[in-house]
N, C-alpha and C. Protein backbone atom coordinates (compact mmCIF):
# COMPACT_ATOMS: atom_id res chain seq x y z
N UNK A 1 89.49 143.30 85.74
CA UNK A 1 88.52 142.96 86.78
C UNK A 1 89.31 142.67 88.03
N UNK A 2 89.00 143.17 89.12
CA UNK A 2 89.61 142.90 90.40
C UNK A 2 88.59 142.33 91.35
N UNK A 3 89.17 141.44 92.22
CA UNK A 3 88.37 140.84 93.38
C UNK A 3 88.70 141.69 94.49
N UNK A 4 87.78 142.38 95.06
CA UNK A 4 88.06 143.29 96.18
C UNK A 4 88.66 142.66 97.42
N UNK A 5 88.42 141.38 97.62
CA UNK A 5 88.98 140.74 98.81
C UNK A 5 90.45 140.38 98.55
N UNK A 6 90.87 140.23 97.34
CA UNK A 6 92.25 139.76 97.09
C UNK A 6 93.11 140.71 96.41
N UNK A 7 92.79 142.06 96.33
CA UNK A 7 93.52 143.10 95.85
C UNK A 7 93.58 144.20 96.87
N UNK A 8 94.55 145.04 96.77
CA UNK A 8 94.74 146.12 97.79
C UNK A 8 94.90 147.39 97.06
N UNK A 9 94.68 148.49 97.89
CA UNK A 9 94.93 149.82 97.34
C UNK A 9 96.16 150.43 97.95
N UNK A 10 96.92 149.62 98.67
CA UNK A 10 98.05 150.08 99.34
C UNK A 10 99.37 149.58 98.74
N UNK A 11 100.18 148.88 99.46
CA UNK A 11 101.48 148.49 99.04
C UNK A 11 101.31 147.45 97.87
N UNK A 12 101.86 147.91 96.71
CA UNK A 12 101.73 147.00 95.58
C UNK A 12 102.46 145.61 95.80
N UNK A 13 103.41 145.58 96.73
CA UNK A 13 104.09 144.26 96.97
C UNK A 13 103.12 143.26 97.66
N UNK A 14 102.01 143.83 98.26
CA UNK A 14 101.11 142.84 98.83
C UNK A 14 100.41 142.08 97.72
N UNK A 15 100.08 142.77 96.63
CA UNK A 15 99.44 142.00 95.54
C UNK A 15 100.50 141.16 94.79
N UNK A 16 101.75 141.71 94.58
CA UNK A 16 102.75 140.88 93.99
C UNK A 16 102.98 139.60 94.77
N UNK A 17 103.12 139.69 96.05
CA UNK A 17 103.41 138.56 96.94
C UNK A 17 102.18 137.55 96.91
N UNK A 18 100.94 138.15 96.75
CA UNK A 18 99.83 137.27 96.62
C UNK A 18 99.98 136.32 95.45
N UNK A 19 100.38 136.89 94.39
CA UNK A 19 100.69 136.12 93.17
C UNK A 19 101.77 135.07 93.44
N UNK A 20 102.90 135.59 93.97
CA UNK A 20 104.17 134.74 94.17
C UNK A 20 103.92 133.69 95.15
N UNK A 21 102.97 133.83 96.11
CA UNK A 21 102.86 132.74 97.11
C UNK A 21 102.25 131.50 96.58
N UNK A 22 101.67 131.60 95.33
CA UNK A 22 101.17 130.37 94.76
C UNK A 22 102.34 129.39 94.39
N UNK A 23 103.50 129.91 94.23
CA UNK A 23 104.70 129.06 93.97
C UNK A 23 105.19 128.42 95.35
N UNK A 24 104.86 129.18 96.45
CA UNK A 24 105.35 128.75 97.76
C UNK A 24 104.46 127.59 98.39
N UNK A 25 103.14 127.85 98.12
CA UNK A 25 102.18 126.93 98.78
C UNK A 25 102.32 125.47 98.11
N UNK A 26 102.11 124.44 98.94
CA UNK A 26 102.10 123.07 98.40
C UNK A 26 100.96 122.90 97.39
N UNK A 27 101.33 122.08 96.39
CA UNK A 27 100.34 121.90 95.29
C UNK A 27 99.05 121.26 95.78
N UNK A 28 99.07 120.73 96.98
CA UNK A 28 97.76 120.14 97.65
C UNK A 28 96.73 121.27 97.90
N UNK A 29 97.24 122.45 97.99
CA UNK A 29 96.32 123.59 98.12
C UNK A 29 95.91 124.06 96.72
N UNK A 30 94.57 124.15 96.57
CA UNK A 30 93.96 124.42 95.26
C UNK A 30 94.71 125.67 94.63
N UNK A 31 95.14 125.47 93.41
CA UNK A 31 95.75 126.63 92.69
C UNK A 31 97.23 126.84 92.89
N UNK A 32 97.77 126.09 93.80
CA UNK A 32 99.22 126.31 94.26
C UNK A 32 100.14 125.44 93.32
N UNK A 33 101.40 125.89 93.28
CA UNK A 33 102.35 125.20 92.41
C UNK A 33 103.44 124.46 93.21
N UNK A 34 103.58 124.63 94.47
CA UNK A 34 104.75 124.12 95.23
C UNK A 34 104.86 122.65 95.03
N UNK A 35 106.09 122.23 94.60
CA UNK A 35 106.27 120.77 94.43
C UNK A 35 106.07 120.28 92.97
N UNK A 36 105.41 121.03 92.16
CA UNK A 36 105.12 120.61 90.80
C UNK A 36 106.31 120.73 89.92
N UNK A 37 106.45 119.97 88.82
CA UNK A 37 107.47 120.15 87.87
C UNK A 37 107.14 121.30 86.92
N UNK A 38 107.55 122.52 87.25
CA UNK A 38 107.07 123.68 86.61
C UNK A 38 107.62 123.69 85.13
N UNK A 39 108.85 123.22 85.00
CA UNK A 39 109.43 123.21 83.67
C UNK A 39 108.61 122.34 82.69
N UNK A 40 108.26 121.14 83.19
CA UNK A 40 107.41 120.29 82.31
C UNK A 40 106.10 120.83 82.00
N UNK A 41 105.58 121.67 82.95
CA UNK A 41 104.27 122.29 82.78
C UNK A 41 104.28 123.63 81.98
N UNK A 42 105.56 124.04 81.71
CA UNK A 42 105.78 125.34 81.00
C UNK A 42 105.45 126.54 81.79
N UNK A 43 105.59 126.41 83.08
CA UNK A 43 105.30 127.49 84.02
C UNK A 43 106.71 128.16 84.44
N UNK A 44 106.79 129.35 84.49
CA UNK A 44 108.12 129.97 84.94
C UNK A 44 108.22 129.66 86.45
N UNK A 45 109.47 129.81 86.90
CA UNK A 45 109.66 129.75 88.33
C UNK A 45 109.24 131.04 89.07
N UNK A 46 109.09 130.88 90.34
CA UNK A 46 108.83 132.08 91.18
C UNK A 46 109.84 133.16 90.92
N UNK A 47 111.12 132.71 90.89
CA UNK A 47 112.20 133.77 90.77
C UNK A 47 112.17 134.42 89.35
N UNK A 48 111.68 133.66 88.36
CA UNK A 48 111.57 134.13 87.07
C UNK A 48 110.38 135.33 87.05
N UNK A 49 109.32 134.91 87.70
CA UNK A 49 108.21 135.85 87.82
C UNK A 49 108.63 137.07 88.54
N UNK A 50 109.36 136.96 89.57
CA UNK A 50 109.81 138.05 90.39
C UNK A 50 110.74 138.86 89.65
N UNK A 51 111.74 138.30 88.88
CA UNK A 51 112.68 139.06 88.00
C UNK A 51 111.88 139.85 86.95
N UNK A 52 110.94 139.31 86.34
CA UNK A 52 110.10 140.04 85.39
C UNK A 52 109.49 141.19 86.01
N UNK A 53 108.87 141.09 87.18
CA UNK A 53 108.26 142.22 87.91
C UNK A 53 109.21 143.32 88.27
N UNK A 54 110.44 142.81 88.75
CA UNK A 54 111.43 143.81 89.12
C UNK A 54 112.02 144.56 87.97
N UNK A 55 112.16 143.86 86.80
CA UNK A 55 112.64 144.43 85.58
C UNK A 55 111.61 145.43 85.09
N UNK A 56 110.36 145.15 85.15
CA UNK A 56 109.32 146.01 84.61
C UNK A 56 109.17 147.20 85.49
N UNK A 57 109.40 147.15 86.89
CA UNK A 57 109.20 148.22 87.72
C UNK A 57 110.48 149.00 88.09
N UNK A 58 111.65 148.49 87.67
CA UNK A 58 112.88 149.11 88.00
C UNK A 58 113.42 148.85 89.33
N UNK A 59 112.86 147.80 90.01
CA UNK A 59 113.28 147.36 91.37
C UNK A 59 114.57 146.50 91.19
N UNK A 60 115.41 146.60 92.19
CA UNK A 60 116.44 145.70 92.26
C UNK A 60 116.21 144.36 92.95
N UNK A 61 115.04 144.30 93.62
CA UNK A 61 114.66 143.12 94.27
C UNK A 61 113.43 143.47 95.26
N UNK A 62 112.99 142.44 95.90
CA UNK A 62 111.88 142.68 96.86
C UNK A 62 112.27 142.06 98.24
N UNK A 63 112.56 142.94 99.20
CA UNK A 63 112.96 142.38 100.47
C UNK A 63 111.81 141.88 101.32
N UNK A 64 112.07 141.03 102.18
CA UNK A 64 111.03 140.55 103.23
C UNK A 64 109.86 139.86 102.58
N UNK A 65 110.13 139.08 101.55
CA UNK A 65 109.03 138.29 100.91
C UNK A 65 108.29 137.35 101.92
N UNK A 66 109.17 136.78 102.86
CA UNK A 66 108.45 135.86 103.81
C UNK A 66 107.40 136.69 104.72
N UNK A 67 107.66 137.92 104.99
CA UNK A 67 106.71 138.69 105.71
C UNK A 67 105.46 138.86 104.91
N UNK A 68 105.60 139.23 103.64
CA UNK A 68 104.42 139.34 102.79
C UNK A 68 103.72 138.09 102.53
N UNK A 69 104.47 136.90 102.45
CA UNK A 69 103.72 135.72 102.32
C UNK A 69 102.94 135.35 103.60
N UNK A 70 103.53 135.65 104.79
CA UNK A 70 102.84 135.43 106.00
C UNK A 70 101.43 136.26 106.00
N UNK A 71 101.56 137.47 105.66
CA UNK A 71 100.43 138.38 105.57
C UNK A 71 99.35 137.83 104.69
N UNK A 72 99.74 137.46 103.48
CA UNK A 72 98.76 136.98 102.47
C UNK A 72 98.27 135.60 102.76
N UNK A 73 98.93 134.68 103.24
CA UNK A 73 98.47 133.38 103.47
C UNK A 73 97.46 133.54 104.79
N UNK A 74 97.87 134.41 105.72
CA UNK A 74 96.98 134.55 106.89
C UNK A 74 95.69 135.20 106.44
N UNK A 75 95.79 136.19 105.51
CA UNK A 75 94.58 136.82 104.98
C UNK A 75 93.73 135.79 104.28
N UNK A 76 94.30 134.87 103.53
CA UNK A 76 93.63 133.83 102.81
C UNK A 76 92.92 132.88 103.83
N UNK A 77 93.67 132.56 104.96
CA UNK A 77 93.04 131.78 106.01
C UNK A 77 91.73 132.42 106.49
N UNK A 78 91.87 133.73 106.73
CA UNK A 78 90.68 134.46 107.25
C UNK A 78 89.57 134.47 106.25
N UNK A 79 89.81 134.54 105.02
CA UNK A 79 88.73 134.50 104.07
C UNK A 79 88.12 133.14 104.04
N UNK A 80 88.94 132.05 104.11
CA UNK A 80 88.29 130.74 104.24
C UNK A 80 87.52 130.51 105.48
N UNK A 81 87.94 131.19 106.56
CA UNK A 81 87.12 131.00 107.84
C UNK A 81 85.79 131.67 107.56
N UNK A 82 85.80 132.86 106.92
CA UNK A 82 84.54 133.49 106.64
C UNK A 82 83.55 132.64 105.77
N UNK A 83 84.22 131.94 104.70
CA UNK A 83 83.44 131.13 103.80
C UNK A 83 82.93 129.91 104.64
N UNK A 84 83.70 129.38 105.52
CA UNK A 84 83.30 128.31 106.36
C UNK A 84 82.08 128.68 107.26
N UNK A 85 82.10 129.94 107.71
CA UNK A 85 80.94 130.37 108.40
C UNK A 85 79.71 130.40 107.59
N UNK A 86 79.83 130.79 106.30
CA UNK A 86 78.72 130.88 105.42
C UNK A 86 78.25 129.49 105.03
N UNK A 87 79.20 128.56 104.89
CA UNK A 87 78.76 127.17 104.66
C UNK A 87 77.99 126.64 105.83
N UNK A 88 78.47 126.92 107.01
CA UNK A 88 77.76 126.47 108.30
C UNK A 88 76.35 127.13 108.37
N UNK A 89 76.21 128.36 108.00
CA UNK A 89 74.98 129.00 108.06
C UNK A 89 74.04 128.80 106.87
N UNK A 90 74.56 128.07 105.83
CA UNK A 90 73.81 127.69 104.67
C UNK A 90 73.65 128.84 103.69
N UNK A 91 74.52 129.89 103.84
CA UNK A 91 74.46 130.96 102.94
C UNK A 91 75.59 131.00 101.94
N UNK A 92 76.42 129.91 101.74
CA UNK A 92 77.47 129.97 100.88
C UNK A 92 77.01 129.93 99.43
N UNK A 93 77.58 130.68 98.58
CA UNK A 93 77.18 131.03 97.21
C UNK A 93 77.64 129.79 96.35
N UNK A 94 78.68 129.05 96.82
CA UNK A 94 79.21 128.03 95.90
C UNK A 94 79.31 126.72 96.69
N UNK A 95 78.80 125.66 96.08
CA UNK A 95 78.86 124.39 96.75
C UNK A 95 80.24 123.79 96.83
N UNK A 96 81.18 124.28 96.13
CA UNK A 96 82.54 123.80 96.13
C UNK A 96 83.38 124.40 97.31
N UNK A 97 82.67 124.99 98.19
CA UNK A 97 83.40 125.67 99.31
C UNK A 97 83.39 124.87 100.63
N UNK A 98 82.91 123.64 100.55
CA UNK A 98 82.70 122.81 101.70
C UNK A 98 84.03 122.55 102.35
N UNK A 99 85.10 122.56 101.69
CA UNK A 99 86.44 122.32 102.30
C UNK A 99 87.07 123.51 102.98
N UNK A 100 86.30 124.72 103.00
CA UNK A 100 86.89 125.90 103.54
C UNK A 100 87.31 125.67 105.13
N UNK A 101 86.48 125.06 105.85
CA UNK A 101 86.75 124.82 107.22
C UNK A 101 88.10 124.11 107.46
N UNK A 102 88.32 123.04 106.64
CA UNK A 102 89.56 122.22 106.78
C UNK A 102 90.76 122.98 106.29
N UNK A 103 90.60 123.86 105.41
CA UNK A 103 91.69 124.62 104.84
C UNK A 103 92.23 125.74 105.75
N UNK A 104 91.40 126.24 106.57
CA UNK A 104 91.70 127.37 107.41
C UNK A 104 92.83 127.09 108.38
N UNK A 105 92.84 125.98 109.19
CA UNK A 105 93.96 125.77 110.06
C UNK A 105 95.33 125.40 109.28
N UNK A 106 95.16 124.78 108.17
CA UNK A 106 96.40 124.53 107.37
C UNK A 106 96.99 125.76 106.93
N UNK A 107 96.13 126.65 106.31
CA UNK A 107 96.66 127.94 105.91
C UNK A 107 97.22 128.76 107.04
N UNK A 108 96.56 128.73 108.14
CA UNK A 108 97.06 129.54 109.43
C UNK A 108 98.42 129.01 109.73
N UNK A 109 98.63 127.69 109.75
CA UNK A 109 99.95 127.14 110.19
C UNK A 109 101.03 127.58 109.13
N UNK A 110 100.70 127.49 107.84
CA UNK A 110 101.64 127.86 106.78
C UNK A 110 102.03 129.44 106.97
N UNK A 111 100.91 130.22 107.19
CA UNK A 111 101.23 131.67 107.47
C UNK A 111 102.26 131.83 108.63
N UNK A 112 101.90 131.06 109.71
CA UNK A 112 102.83 131.21 110.92
C UNK A 112 104.22 130.80 110.60
N UNK A 113 104.37 129.82 109.73
CA UNK A 113 105.70 129.31 109.33
C UNK A 113 106.45 130.48 108.60
N UNK A 114 105.72 131.11 107.66
CA UNK A 114 106.26 132.22 106.97
C UNK A 114 106.69 133.41 107.94
N UNK A 115 105.85 133.58 108.92
CA UNK A 115 106.09 134.65 109.90
C UNK A 115 107.36 134.33 110.66
N UNK A 116 107.58 133.04 111.02
CA UNK A 116 108.76 132.62 111.75
C UNK A 116 110.04 132.82 110.83
N UNK A 117 109.85 132.50 109.62
CA UNK A 117 110.92 132.68 108.62
C UNK A 117 111.29 134.17 108.53
N UNK A 118 110.32 135.05 108.69
CA UNK A 118 110.47 136.41 108.53
C UNK A 118 111.04 137.04 109.86
N UNK A 119 111.11 136.27 110.90
CA UNK A 119 111.76 136.78 112.11
C UNK A 119 110.79 137.03 113.30
N UNK A 120 109.50 136.53 113.18
CA UNK A 120 108.52 136.71 114.25
C UNK A 120 109.01 135.99 115.49
């Protein structure tokens, strides 16, 4: 099953980096792993996950991950902005989305930080 908002039909590295960005985002962001004791939790590192992908696909590596992270985190910020609008309008499907408005600027800043690391 695919979520149409969070998967692509283009560059497979966009989807890979969406997965990998969860290791990069601070654990204060829902579902993120940044700063957690991954070994204690039995979770592989981001580099382990990337190596598994590269081994499976025959790639020697993935260049420009920061650019992909900027793209995906900005896309996520845009999604949360849309959710915030639905919360404002009273049409949100999920009551757990009330924090969408506060997440949007945080995610936009994180995306910009990745863009700067990528050379923007």
